Protein backbone atom coordinates (compact mmCIF):
# COMPACT_ATOMS: atom_id res chain seq x y z
CA MET A 1 44.51 11.51 -35.69
CA ALA A 2 41.57 10.53 -33.49
CA HIS A 3 41.02 6.85 -32.81
CA HIS A 4 37.38 5.84 -33.21
CA GLN A 5 35.93 2.66 -31.77
CA LEU A 6 32.36 1.59 -31.08
CA PRO A 7 31.39 -0.46 -28.01
CA GLU A 8 31.05 -4.15 -28.81
CA TYR A 9 27.63 -5.54 -29.64
CA ASP A 10 26.69 -8.92 -28.18
CA ASP A 11 23.38 -10.28 -29.48
CA GLN A 12 23.06 -12.51 -26.39
CA SER A 13 22.81 -9.58 -23.99
CA ASP A 14 22.23 -6.37 -26.00
CA ASN A 15 19.13 -5.05 -27.72
CA TRP A 16 19.88 -4.45 -31.38
CA LYS A 17 17.51 -1.55 -31.89
CA ALA A 18 18.84 0.29 -28.82
CA TYR A 19 22.42 -0.44 -29.86
CA ILE A 20 22.06 0.91 -33.39
CA THR A 21 20.47 4.08 -31.98
CA LYS A 22 23.61 4.62 -29.89
CA VAL A 23 25.78 3.96 -32.97
CA GLU A 24 23.93 6.64 -34.95
CA ALA A 25 24.40 9.10 -32.09
CA TYR A 26 28.11 8.26 -31.97
CA PHE A 27 28.57 8.94 -35.69
CA GLU A 28 26.69 12.21 -35.37
CA THR A 29 28.82 13.33 -32.44
CA THR A 30 32.13 12.44 -34.07
CA GLY A 31 31.14 13.79 -37.48
CA ILE A 32 31.72 10.49 -39.27
CA SER A 33 29.57 10.42 -42.40
CA ASP A 34 31.40 8.17 -44.87
CA SER A 35 29.27 5.04 -45.41
CA GLY A 36 32.27 2.73 -45.88
CA LYS A 37 33.95 3.93 -42.70
CA LYS A 38 30.73 3.65 -40.72
CA ARG A 39 30.25 0.07 -41.96
CA ALA A 40 33.85 -0.83 -41.06
CA LEU A 41 33.48 0.56 -37.52
CA LEU A 42 30.17 -1.25 -37.08
CA VAL A 43 31.43 -4.65 -38.26
CA ALA A 44 34.54 -4.28 -36.07
CA ALA A 45 32.29 -3.76 -33.04
CA LEU A 46 30.13 -6.85 -33.68
CA SER A 47 30.72 -10.04 -31.72
CA THR A 48 32.03 -13.04 -33.65
CA ARG A 49 28.61 -14.70 -33.61
CA THR A 50 26.93 -11.53 -34.96
CA VAL A 51 29.48 -11.30 -37.79
CA GLN A 52 28.62 -14.92 -38.65
CA VAL A 53 24.93 -14.01 -38.74
CA LEU A 54 25.65 -11.06 -41.07
CA SER A 55 27.84 -13.21 -43.32
CA ALA A 56 25.17 -15.91 -43.57
CA GLN A 57 22.47 -13.37 -44.44
CA VAL A 58 24.44 -11.78 -47.32
CA ALA A 59 26.13 -14.95 -48.63
CA PRO A 60 27.66 -15.50 -51.07
CA ARG A 61 28.67 -11.85 -50.72
CA LYS A 62 31.09 -10.78 -48.00
CA PRO A 63 30.22 -8.24 -45.30
CA ASN A 64 33.11 -5.88 -46.04
CA PRO A 65 31.94 -4.61 -49.45
CA LEU A 66 28.53 -3.70 -48.00
CA THR A 67 27.54 -0.11 -47.33
CA TYR A 68 26.65 0.88 -43.79
CA GLU A 69 22.96 1.15 -44.74
CA GLU A 70 22.93 -2.34 -46.27
CA ALA A 71 24.57 -3.94 -43.23
CA VAL A 72 22.11 -2.25 -40.86
CA LYS A 73 19.13 -3.31 -42.98
CA VAL A 74 20.23 -6.97 -42.96
CA LEU A 75 20.80 -7.01 -39.21
CA ASP A 76 17.50 -5.15 -38.60
CA ALA A 77 15.61 -7.89 -40.42
CA TYR A 78 17.33 -10.58 -38.35
CA PHE A 79 17.33 -9.08 -34.84
CA ASP A 80 14.19 -6.93 -35.06
CA PRO A 81 11.87 -8.68 -37.53
CA LYS A 82 8.59 -7.08 -38.52
CA ARG A 83 5.99 -8.00 -35.96
CA HIS A 84 2.43 -9.09 -36.69
CA GLU A 85 0.32 -5.95 -36.52
CA ILE A 86 -2.84 -7.61 -35.18
CA THR A 87 -0.94 -9.60 -32.55
CA GLU A 88 0.89 -6.49 -31.38
CA SER A 89 -2.37 -4.53 -31.25
CA TYR A 90 -3.90 -7.26 -29.10
CA ARG A 91 -0.95 -7.03 -26.72
CA PHE A 92 -1.26 -3.24 -26.66
CA PHE A 93 -4.97 -3.09 -25.82
CA ASN A 94 -4.61 -5.71 -23.09
CA ARG A 95 -1.53 -4.19 -21.46
CA CYS A 96 -2.35 -2.79 -18.01
CA GLN A 97 -0.13 -1.56 -15.23
CA LEU A 98 1.17 -4.53 -13.26
CA GLU A 99 1.12 -4.74 -9.47
CA GLY A 100 4.18 -2.95 -8.11
CA GLU A 101 5.06 -1.52 -11.54
CA PRO A 102 5.74 2.25 -11.51
CA ILE A 103 3.55 4.23 -13.90
CA GLN A 104 6.64 5.56 -15.67
CA GLN A 105 7.75 2.00 -16.46
CA PHE A 106 4.21 1.12 -17.57
CA ILE A 107 4.27 4.03 -20.05
CA VAL A 108 7.63 2.89 -21.45
CA GLU A 109 6.29 -0.63 -22.02
CA VAL A 110 3.10 0.64 -23.66
CA ARG A 111 5.14 2.79 -26.03
CA ARG A 112 7.40 -0.13 -26.87
CA ILE A 113 4.46 -2.38 -27.78
CA ALA A 114 2.80 0.42 -29.78
CA ASP A 115 5.89 0.60 -31.97
CA GLY A 116 4.78 -2.60 -33.72
CA CYS A 117 1.10 -1.69 -34.05
CA ASN A 118 1.39 0.74 -36.98
CA PHE A 119 -1.02 3.27 -35.45
CA GLY A 120 0.33 6.08 -37.61
CA ASP A 121 -1.33 9.44 -36.88
CA MET A 122 -3.47 7.79 -34.17
CA LEU A 123 -0.44 6.89 -32.04
CA ASP A 124 -0.75 9.71 -29.46
CA ARG A 125 -4.46 9.10 -28.93
CA MET A 126 -3.97 5.34 -28.56
CA LEU A 127 -1.16 5.84 -26.05
CA ARG A 128 -3.23 8.36 -24.06
CA ASP A 129 -6.24 6.02 -23.92
CA ARG A 130 -4.12 3.05 -22.92
CA ILE A 131 -2.57 5.01 -20.05
CA VAL A 132 -5.97 6.19 -18.75
CA CYS A 133 -7.56 2.75 -19.06
CA GLY A 134 -4.55 0.80 -17.85
CA VAL A 135 -3.52 2.51 -14.59
CA ARG A 136 -4.24 0.46 -11.44
CA SER A 137 -5.17 3.34 -9.13
CA SER A 138 -8.83 4.36 -9.43
CA ALA A 139 -7.97 7.71 -7.79
CA ILE A 140 -5.43 8.51 -10.53
CA GLN A 141 -7.83 7.30 -13.19
CA LYS A 142 -10.49 9.70 -11.89
CA GLN A 143 -8.03 12.60 -12.13
CA LEU A 144 -7.27 11.72 -15.74
CA LEU A 145 -10.93 11.35 -16.69
CA ALA A 146 -11.85 14.63 -14.99
CA LYS A 147 -9.82 16.64 -17.49
CA THR A 148 -11.49 17.32 -20.83
CA ASP A 149 -9.38 17.40 -24.00
CA LEU A 150 -6.63 15.47 -22.23
CA THR A 151 -3.42 15.25 -24.25
CA LEU A 152 -0.88 12.43 -24.15
CA LYS A 153 1.68 14.68 -22.48
CA GLU A 154 -0.83 15.76 -19.83
CA ALA A 155 -1.89 12.16 -19.20
CA GLU A 156 1.72 11.12 -18.60
CA THR A 157 2.51 14.11 -16.37
CA ILE A 158 -0.66 13.83 -14.24
CA ALA A 159 -0.35 10.06 -13.81
CA ILE A 160 3.32 10.17 -12.79
CA SER A 161 2.93 13.11 -10.37
CA ALA A 162 -0.28 11.68 -8.83
CA GLU A 163 1.43 8.34 -8.21
CA ALA A 164 4.36 10.11 -6.56
CA ALA A 165 1.93 12.03 -4.32
CA GLU A 166 0.15 8.79 -3.33
CA ASN A 167 3.45 7.13 -2.45
CA ASN A 168 4.58 10.13 -0.38
CA THR A 169 1.25 10.19 1.49
CA LYS A 170 1.55 6.49 2.34
CA LYS A 171 5.11 6.98 3.57
CA MET A 172 4.12 9.94 5.75
CA SER A 173 1.22 7.98 7.26
CA SER A 174 3.52 5.03 7.94
CA ASP A 175 6.12 7.28 9.60
CA ASN A 176 3.48 8.90 11.85
CA GLU A 177 1.95 5.60 13.05
CA PRO A 178 4.47 4.92 15.90
CA VAL A 179 4.00 8.49 17.19
CA LEU A 180 0.22 8.11 17.25
CA LYS A 181 0.52 4.81 19.15
CA VAL A 182 2.79 6.36 21.79
CA ASN A 183 0.38 9.28 22.25
CA ALA A 184 -2.56 6.88 22.61
CA GLN A 185 -0.71 4.90 25.29
CA ALA A 186 0.13 8.08 27.16
CA ASP A 187 -3.55 9.10 27.13
CA GLU A 188 -4.48 5.73 28.62
CA LEU A 189 -1.99 6.16 31.46
CA VAL A 190 -3.44 9.49 32.57
CA SER A 191 -7.11 8.61 32.17
CA VAL A 192 -9.34 9.72 35.05
CA CYS A 193 -11.56 7.27 36.93
CA GLY A 194 -15.19 8.32 36.61
CA ARG A 195 -16.00 7.14 40.15
CA CYS A 196 -13.20 8.33 42.37
CA GLY A 197 -11.58 11.02 40.24
CA ARG A 198 -8.11 9.44 40.49
CA TYR A 199 -5.64 9.07 37.65
CA GLY A 200 -4.00 6.03 36.19
CA HIS A 201 -5.96 3.02 37.39
CA GLY A 202 -8.71 0.94 35.92
CA GLY A 203 -9.53 -2.72 35.81
CA TYR A 204 -12.68 -4.32 37.08
CA GLY A 205 -15.25 -2.10 38.69
CA GLY A 206 -15.22 -4.58 41.57
CA TYR A 207 -17.77 -5.06 44.30
CA GLY A 208 -19.60 -1.95 45.29
CA GLY A 209 -20.24 -0.50 41.83
CA TYR A 210 -23.59 0.39 40.42
CA GLY A 211 -25.08 -1.54 37.53
CA GLY A 212 -23.72 -4.90 36.38
CA TYR A 213 -25.47 -8.24 36.45
CA GLY A 214 -29.12 -8.46 37.25
CA GLY A 215 -30.09 -4.80 37.27
CA TYR A 216 -32.81 -4.44 39.92
CA GLY A 217 -32.84 -7.52 42.08
CA GLY A 218 -36.62 -7.61 42.45
CA TYR A 219 -38.64 -8.25 45.60
CA GLY A 220 -37.90 -11.34 47.63
CA GLY A 221 -34.84 -12.45 45.69
CA TYR A 222 -31.19 -11.72 45.51
CA GLY A 223 -30.43 -8.11 44.79
CA GLY A 224 -28.83 -7.79 41.37
CA TYR A 225 -25.13 -7.17 41.16
CA GLY A 226 -24.93 -3.46 41.69
CA GLY A 227 -28.75 -3.11 41.79
CA TYR A 228 -31.40 -2.58 44.45
CA GLY A 229 -32.70 -5.72 46.23
CA HIS A 230 -35.76 -5.75 48.43
CA GLY A 231 -35.79 -8.85 50.62
CA GLY A 232 -33.26 -11.61 50.68
CA TYR A 233 -29.62 -10.86 50.26
CA GLY A 234 -28.87 -7.29 49.29
CA GLY A 235 -27.25 -7.07 45.87
CA TYR A 236 -23.53 -6.80 45.47
CA GLY A 237 -22.81 -3.14 45.90
CA GLY A 238 -26.52 -2.29 46.13
CA TYR A 239 -29.07 -1.57 48.82
CA GLY A 240 -30.61 -4.67 50.46
CA HIS A 241 -33.66 -4.43 52.63
CA GLY A 242 -34.00 -7.50 54.85
CA GLY A 243 -31.55 -10.32 55.26
CA TYR A 244 -27.87 -9.79 55.02
CA GLY A 245 -26.64 -6.44 53.85
CA GLY A 246 -25.16 -6.80 50.39
CA TYR A 247 -21.47 -6.75 49.74
CA GLY A 248 -20.62 -3.12 49.96
CA GLY A 249 -24.27 -2.21 50.61
CA TYR A 250 -26.57 -1.48 53.50
CA GLY A 251 -28.57 -4.24 55.26
CA HIS A 252 -31.62 -3.43 57.29
CA GLY A 253 -32.79 -6.04 59.85
CA SER A 254 -31.42 -9.52 60.59
CA TYR A 255 -28.09 -8.94 62.31
CA GLY A 256 -28.67 -6.54 65.18
CA GLY A 257 -32.19 -7.70 65.97
CA TYR A 258 -35.00 -5.23 65.85
CA GLY A 259 -32.70 -2.39 65.10
CA HIS A 260 -30.53 -1.84 62.09
CA GLY A 261 -27.64 -4.14 61.55
CA TYR A 262 -24.80 -3.55 59.20
CA LYS A 263 -22.66 -6.20 57.72
CA VAL A 264 -20.48 -4.22 55.45
CA ILE A 265 -17.92 -5.59 53.05
CA SER A 266 -16.14 -2.97 50.99
CA TYR A 267 -17.76 0.39 51.21
CA GLY A 268 -18.53 2.36 48.10
CA HIS A 269 -16.98 1.15 44.88
CA GLY A 270 -13.75 -0.74 44.31
CA HIS A 271 -11.46 -1.43 41.46
CA GLY A 272 -10.70 -5.11 41.06
CA TYR A 273 -11.65 -7.62 43.72
CA HIS A 274 -10.08 -6.09 46.79
CA ASP A 275 -10.61 -3.90 49.88
CA PHE A 276 -12.70 -6.38 51.92
CA HIS A 277 -13.41 -4.83 55.37
CA PHE A 278 -15.74 -6.65 57.78
CA SER A 279 -17.56 -4.94 60.62
CA ALA A 280 -20.75 -5.65 62.53
CA VAL A 281 -22.66 -3.03 64.46
CA SER A 282 -25.77 -3.84 66.50
CA GLU A 283 -28.11 -1.52 68.25
């Protein structure tokens, strides 16, 4: 003879409605249909506190003479009382997907709240609308709104699969980020200098480059950094006519008397402040 025993129910940690659903499945699987036997197995599985609740609700009667259906009805009223329809509807229409909450969990919670709203034949439509209006992702919401005659089943399937695709895309982008950074660093290391054609160095353009501060130095003043200066000191890296030849530039007159004098510091263009070479040539 088979020994039948239900798992114990503890009202402090178990959900009554979920528990009784498991009990019904157990009786269906084992083929137990006798109401008295079902009630006896149920009461035997209840915690001491739950038996006290049942006894208090049926007093002065005792729990044992009850049918299974009577015992379940009494405990239903105690552990899962009828909820206020308007209050539950308010909760339903204001329930949106929380930050970090998976869409699948959001759907479960919406369905649970809808159970107390008494929507009747409108249940599927209400659930569909709540899913479309309540999802956090605007991209997923657009997908749902783009489909005409959207059913509840389609809304659930599209929302769940679209969220999974979004999460996978984010993960792939995150995984590729270190590779992109390494490639960018490698490109920097082999960059070509636009002035000398060499690889792998940069830094300040240094004395002797074109452009920079001052642009054209103007007549009679200091030649601009990297510009052309007529009169006075030749610009850094530019051409200076009269006075001292600019750093890295050509100086006509002054040193060397009537002829052409050169006071040259760093020929051409440099990288960083370096390569200072002094020479003086007089005709």
